[in-house]
C-alpha atoms as a PDB file:
ATOM      1  CA  MET A   1     -25.194  65.499   6.504  1.00  0.00           C
ATOM      2  CA  ARG A   2     -21.150  66.654   7.116  1.00  0.00           C
ATOM      3  CA  ILE A   3     -19.982  63.817   8.874  1.00  0.00           C
ATOM      4  CA  ARG A   4     -17.662  65.706  11.825  1.00  0.00           C
ATOM      5  CA  LYS A   5     -14.809  64.030  13.265  1.00  0.00           C
ATOM      6  CA  VAL A   6     -14.389  63.963  17.028  1.00  0.00           C
ATOM      7  CA  ALA A   7     -12.050  64.130  19.781  1.00  0.00           C
ATOM      8  CA  ILE A   8     -12.908  63.969  22.771  1.00  0.00           C
ATOM      9  CA  TYR A   9     -10.256  65.508  25.306  1.00  0.00           C
ATOM     10  CA  ALA A  10     -10.616  64.882  29.686  1.00  0.00           C
ATOM     11  CA  ARG A  11      -8.424  65.372  32.159  1.00  0.00           C
ATOM     12  CA  VAL A  12      -8.248  64.826  35.703  1.00  0.00           C
ATOM     13  CA  SER A  13      -5.386  66.663  37.896  1.00  0.00           C
ATOM     14  CA  THR A  14      -5.741  63.738  40.727  1.00  0.00           C
ATOM     15  CA  GLU A  15      -5.162  59.626  40.315  1.00  0.00           C
ATOM     16  CA  HIS A  16      -7.501  60.055  43.262  1.00  0.00           C
ATOM     17  CA  GLU A  17     -10.178  57.237  43.192  1.00  0.00           C
ATOM     18  CA  ALA A  18     -13.029  59.759  43.337  1.00  0.00           C
ATOM     19  CA  GLN A  19     -11.510  61.657  40.300  1.00  0.00           C
ATOM     20  CA  LEU A  20     -10.657  58.274  38.831  1.00  0.00           C
ATOM     21  CA  SER A  21     -14.573  57.920  38.743  1.00  0.00           C
ATOM     22  CA  ALA A  22     -15.150  60.912  37.763  1.00  0.00           C
ATOM     23  CA  LEU A  23     -12.981  60.423  34.463  1.00  0.00           C
ATOM     24  CA  GLU A  24     -15.069  57.194  33.634  1.00  0.00           C
ATOM     25  CA  ASN A  25     -17.956  59.304  34.098  1.00  0.00           C
ATOM     26  CA  GLN A  26     -17.041  61.927  31.410  1.00  0.00           C
ATOM     27  CA  VAL A  27     -15.800  59.308  29.035  1.00  0.00           C
ATOM     28  CA  GLN A  28     -19.501  57.530  29.417  1.00  0.00           C
ATOM     29  CA  TYR A  29     -21.420  60.969  29.256  1.00  0.00           C
ATOM     30  CA  TYR A  30     -18.789  61.844  25.233  1.00  0.00           C
ATOM     31  CA  ASP A  31     -19.590  58.448  24.243  1.00  0.00           C
ATOM     32  CA  ASP A  32     -23.348  58.895  24.887  1.00  0.00           C
ATOM     33  CA  LEU A  33     -23.889  62.560  23.243  1.00  0.00           C
ATOM     34  CA  ILE A  34     -21.913  61.189  20.462  1.00  0.00           C
ATOM     35  CA  ASP A  35     -24.990  58.729  19.991  1.00  0.00           C
ATOM     36  CA  ARG A  36     -26.992  61.109  19.266  1.00  0.00           C
ATOM     37  CA  HIS A  37     -25.540  63.046  16.787  1.00  0.00           C
ATOM     38  CA  PRO A  38     -25.265  60.743  14.135  1.00  0.00           C
ATOM     39  CA  ASP A  39     -23.275  63.167  12.185  1.00  0.00           C
ATOM     40  CA  TRP A  40     -20.603  62.944  14.816  1.00  0.00           C
ATOM     41  CA  VAL A  41     -17.414  59.457  14.741  1.00  0.00           C
ATOM     42  CA  LEU A  42     -15.813  59.479  17.661  1.00  0.00           C
ATOM     43  CA  TYR A  43     -12.260  60.225  15.991  1.00  0.00           C
ATOM     44  CA  ARG A  44     -10.207  59.837  19.241  1.00  0.00           C
ATOM     45  CA  ARG A  45     -10.103  60.233  23.424  1.00  0.00           C
ATOM     46  CA  TYR A  46      -7.083  62.190  24.978  1.00  0.00           C
ATOM     47  CA  ILE A  47      -7.447  61.569  28.381  1.00  0.00           C
ATOM     48  CA  ASP A  48      -4.265  62.953  30.782  1.00  0.00           C
ATOM     49  CA  GLU A  49      -5.421  61.567  34.084  1.00  0.00           C
ATOM     50  CA  GLY A  50      -3.010  63.155  37.471  1.00  0.00           C
ATOM     51  CA  ILE A  51      -2.121  66.187  35.894  1.00  0.00           C
ATOM     52  CA  THR A  52      -2.317  69.331  36.439  1.00  0.00           C
ATOM     53  CA  GLY A  53      -4.500  71.552  34.244  1.00  0.00           C
ATOM     54  CA  THR A  54      -1.702  75.117  34.816  1.00  0.00           C
ATOM     55  CA  SER A  55       0.885  73.762  31.963  1.00  0.00           C
ATOM     56  CA  ILE A  56      -0.245  73.122  28.599  1.00  0.00           C
ATOM     57  CA  SER A  57       3.653  71.701  27.770  1.00  0.00           C
ATOM     58  CA  LYS A  58       2.798  68.742  30.459  1.00  0.00           C
ATOM     59  CA  ARG A  59      -0.532  67.630  28.956  1.00  0.00           C
ATOM     60  CA  LYS A  60       1.236  64.948  26.816  1.00  0.00           C
ATOM     61  CA  ASN A  61      -2.738  63.880  25.259  1.00  0.00           C
ATOM     62  CA  PHE A  62      -3.334  67.730  25.068  1.00  0.00           C
ATOM     63  CA  VAL A  63      -0.133  68.857  23.327  1.00  0.00           C
ATOM     64  CA  ARG A  64      -0.980  65.265  21.112  1.00  0.00           C
ATOM     65  CA  MET A  65      -4.528  66.653  19.991  1.00  0.00           C
ATOM     66  CA  MET A  66      -2.850  69.909  19.428  1.00  0.00           C
ATOM     67  CA  GLU A  67      -0.570  67.967  16.673  1.00  0.00           C
ATOM     68  CA  ASP A  68      -2.864  66.260  15.828  1.00  0.00           C
ATOM     69  CA  ALA A  69      -5.155  68.637  15.441  1.00  0.00           C
ATOM     70  CA  LYS A  70      -2.307  69.973  13.182  1.00  0.00           C
ATOM     71  CA  ASP A  71      -2.558  67.109  11.035  1.00  0.00           C
ATOM     72  CA  GLY A  72      -6.051  67.707  10.000  1.00  0.00           C
ATOM     73  CA  HIS A  73      -7.315  64.627  12.029  1.00  0.00           C
ATOM     74  CA  PHE A  74     -10.603  66.059  13.393  1.00  0.00           C
ATOM     75  CA  ASP A  75     -12.734  68.795  12.941  1.00  0.00           C
ATOM     76  CA  LEU A  76     -14.464  69.124  16.331  1.00  0.00           C
ATOM     77  CA  ILE A  77     -13.352  68.972  20.286  1.00  0.00           C
ATOM     78  CA  VAL A  78     -15.490  68.038  22.798  1.00  0.00           C
ATOM     79  CA  THR A  79     -14.507  68.670  26.421  1.00  0.00           C
ATOM     80  CA  ARG A  80     -16.968  69.019  29.675  1.00  0.00           C
ATOM     81  CA  GLU A  81     -15.616  72.659  30.501  1.00  0.00           C
ATOM     82  CA  VAL A  82     -13.052  75.386  29.693  1.00  0.00           C
ATOM     83  CA  SER A  83     -10.871  74.235  33.148  1.00  0.00           C
ATOM     84  CA  ARG A  84     -10.302  70.760  31.708  1.00  0.00           C
ATOM     85  CA  PHE A  85      -9.260  72.406  29.049  1.00  0.00           C
ATOM     86  CA  ALA A  86      -7.158  75.614  29.908  1.00  0.00           C
ATOM     87  CA  ARG A  87      -6.755  77.012  33.816  1.00  0.00           C
ATOM     88  CA  ASN A  88      -5.762  81.102  32.575  1.00  0.00           C
ATOM     89  CA  THR A  89      -7.198  83.178  30.380  1.00  0.00           C
ATOM     90  CA  VAL A  90      -4.391  83.513  28.164  1.00  0.00           C
ATOM     91  CA  ASP A  91      -3.854  79.544  27.475  1.00  0.00           C
ATOM     92  CA  THR A  92      -7.489  79.146  26.882  1.00  0.00           C
ATOM     93  CA  LEU A  93      -7.343  81.729  24.144  1.00  0.00           C
ATOM     94  CA  GLN A  94      -4.657  81.195  22.192  1.00  0.00           C
ATOM     95  CA  GLN A  95      -5.580  77.125  21.686  1.00  0.00           C
ATOM     96  CA  THR A  96      -9.052  78.212  20.497  1.00  0.00           C
ATOM     97  CA  ARG A  97      -7.667  80.561  18.190  1.00  0.00           C
ATOM     98  CA  LEU A  98      -5.219  78.659  16.949  1.00  0.00           C
ATOM     99  CA  LEU A  99      -8.188  75.785  16.990  1.00  0.00           C
ATOM    100  CA  LYS A 100     -10.476  78.336  15.348  1.00  0.00           C
ATOM    101  CA  ARG A 101      -7.990  79.217  12.812  1.00  0.00           C
ATOM    102  CA  MET A 102      -7.588  75.356  11.637  1.00  0.00           C
ATOM    103  CA  GLY A 103     -11.071  75.222  11.436  1.00  0.00           C
ATOM    104  CA  ILE A 104     -11.588  73.025  14.594  1.00  0.00           C
ATOM    105  CA  GLU A 105     -14.188  73.774  16.239  1.00  0.00           C
ATOM    106  CA  VAL A 106     -14.351  73.365  20.334  1.00  0.00           C
ATOM    107  CA  TYR A 107     -17.185  72.331  22.349  1.00  0.00           C
ATOM    108  CA  PHE A 108     -17.258  72.647  26.078  1.00  0.00           C
ATOM    109  CA  THR A 109     -20.415  70.845  27.068  1.00  0.00           C
ATOM    110  CA  GLU A 110     -21.413  72.108  31.159  1.00  0.00           C
ATOM    111  CA  ASP A 111     -20.095  75.375  29.548  1.00  0.00           C
ATOM    112  CA  GLY A 112     -22.956  75.805  26.242  1.00  0.00           C
ATOM    113  CA  ILE A 113     -19.835  77.351  24.388  1.00  0.00           C
ATOM    114  CA  TRP A 114     -18.717  76.500  20.504  1.00  0.00           C
ATOM    115  CA  THR A 115     -15.996  78.326  19.472  1.00  0.00           C
ATOM    116  CA  MET A 116     -17.155  78.365  15.821  1.00  0.00           C
ATOM    117  CA  ASN A 117     -21.035  79.122  16.600  1.00  0.00           C
ATOM    118  CA  ASP A 118     -21.282  81.914  19.581  1.00  0.00           C
ATOM    119  CA  GLU A 119     -20.696  85.077  19.049  1.00  0.00           C
ATOM    120  CA  ASP A 120     -19.406  85.738  22.648  1.00  0.00           C
ATOM    121  CA  GLY A 121     -17.815  82.629  22.526  1.00  0.00           C
ATOM    122  CA  GLU A 122     -14.353  84.360  23.491  1.00  0.00           C
ATOM    123  CA  LEU A 123     -15.622  86.648  25.759  1.00  0.00           C
ATOM    124  CA  ARG A 124     -17.407  83.843  27.941  1.00  0.00           C
ATOM    125  CA  LEU A 125     -13.930  81.679  27.385  1.00  0.00           C
ATOM    126  CA  THR A 126     -12.566  85.046  28.943  1.00  0.00           C
ATOM    127  CA  ILE A 127     -15.029  85.425  31.988  1.00  0.00           C
ATOM    128  CA  MET A 128     -14.870  81.601  32.402  1.00  0.00           C
ATOM    129  CA  ALA A 129     -11.020  80.687  32.642  1.00  0.00           C
ATOM    130  CA  PRO A 130     -10.211  82.469  36.014  1.00  0.00           C
ATOM    131  CA  SER A 131     -13.741  81.801  37.669  1.00  0.00           C
ATOM    132  CA  ARG A 132     -13.088  78.040  36.944  1.00  0.00           C
ATOM    133  CA  ARG A 133      -9.947  78.141  38.373  1.00  0.00           C
ATOM    134  CA  THR A 134     -10.747  79.663  41.790  1.00  0.00           C
ATOM    135  CA  ASN A 135     -13.372  76.564  41.712  1.00  0.00           C
ATOM    136  CA  ARG A 136     -10.627  74.060  42.110  1.00  0.00           C
ATOM    137  CA  LYS A 137     -11.556  72.614  45.123  1.00  0.00           C
ATOM    138  CA  ARG A 138     -14.779  71.738  44.192  1.00  0.00           C
ATOM    139  CA  PRO A 139     -15.620  68.210  44.317  1.00  0.00           C
ATOM    140  CA  PRO A 140     -15.873  66.058  42.219  1.00  0.00           C
ATOM    141  CA  CYS A 141     -19.016  65.408  39.918  1.00  0.00           C
ATOM    142  CA  GLY A 142     -19.996  62.595  36.667  1.00  0.00           C
END
């Protein structure tokens, strides 16, 4: 069994209580998910709080995660959905392609996308990035 070092990425766009509660739920969800995969070991959680998803450069923990990826610290990123990772198609594709070239897979749990295994993963990312953007005002969920 190959052990996978896992990075978790979570982001909430505001610091309102409901969003922070949703963040706590996300973290618990990821911890439970890792517990269900005996071949997964948590490397680190990267969490951006109260930060918009429109600019990657403003998300210090996303930037740190990408730097750690370049340094080979993990081989899998788990995040809830495409909109937590990036808000537009260009950023989504650029970052996932860069990670793929480094041998790092991204698993979008809510969207069911594995960037290394899904033959149609890039097509689905292209479709999901802008459609998630239109759902910005949906109520927070765990």
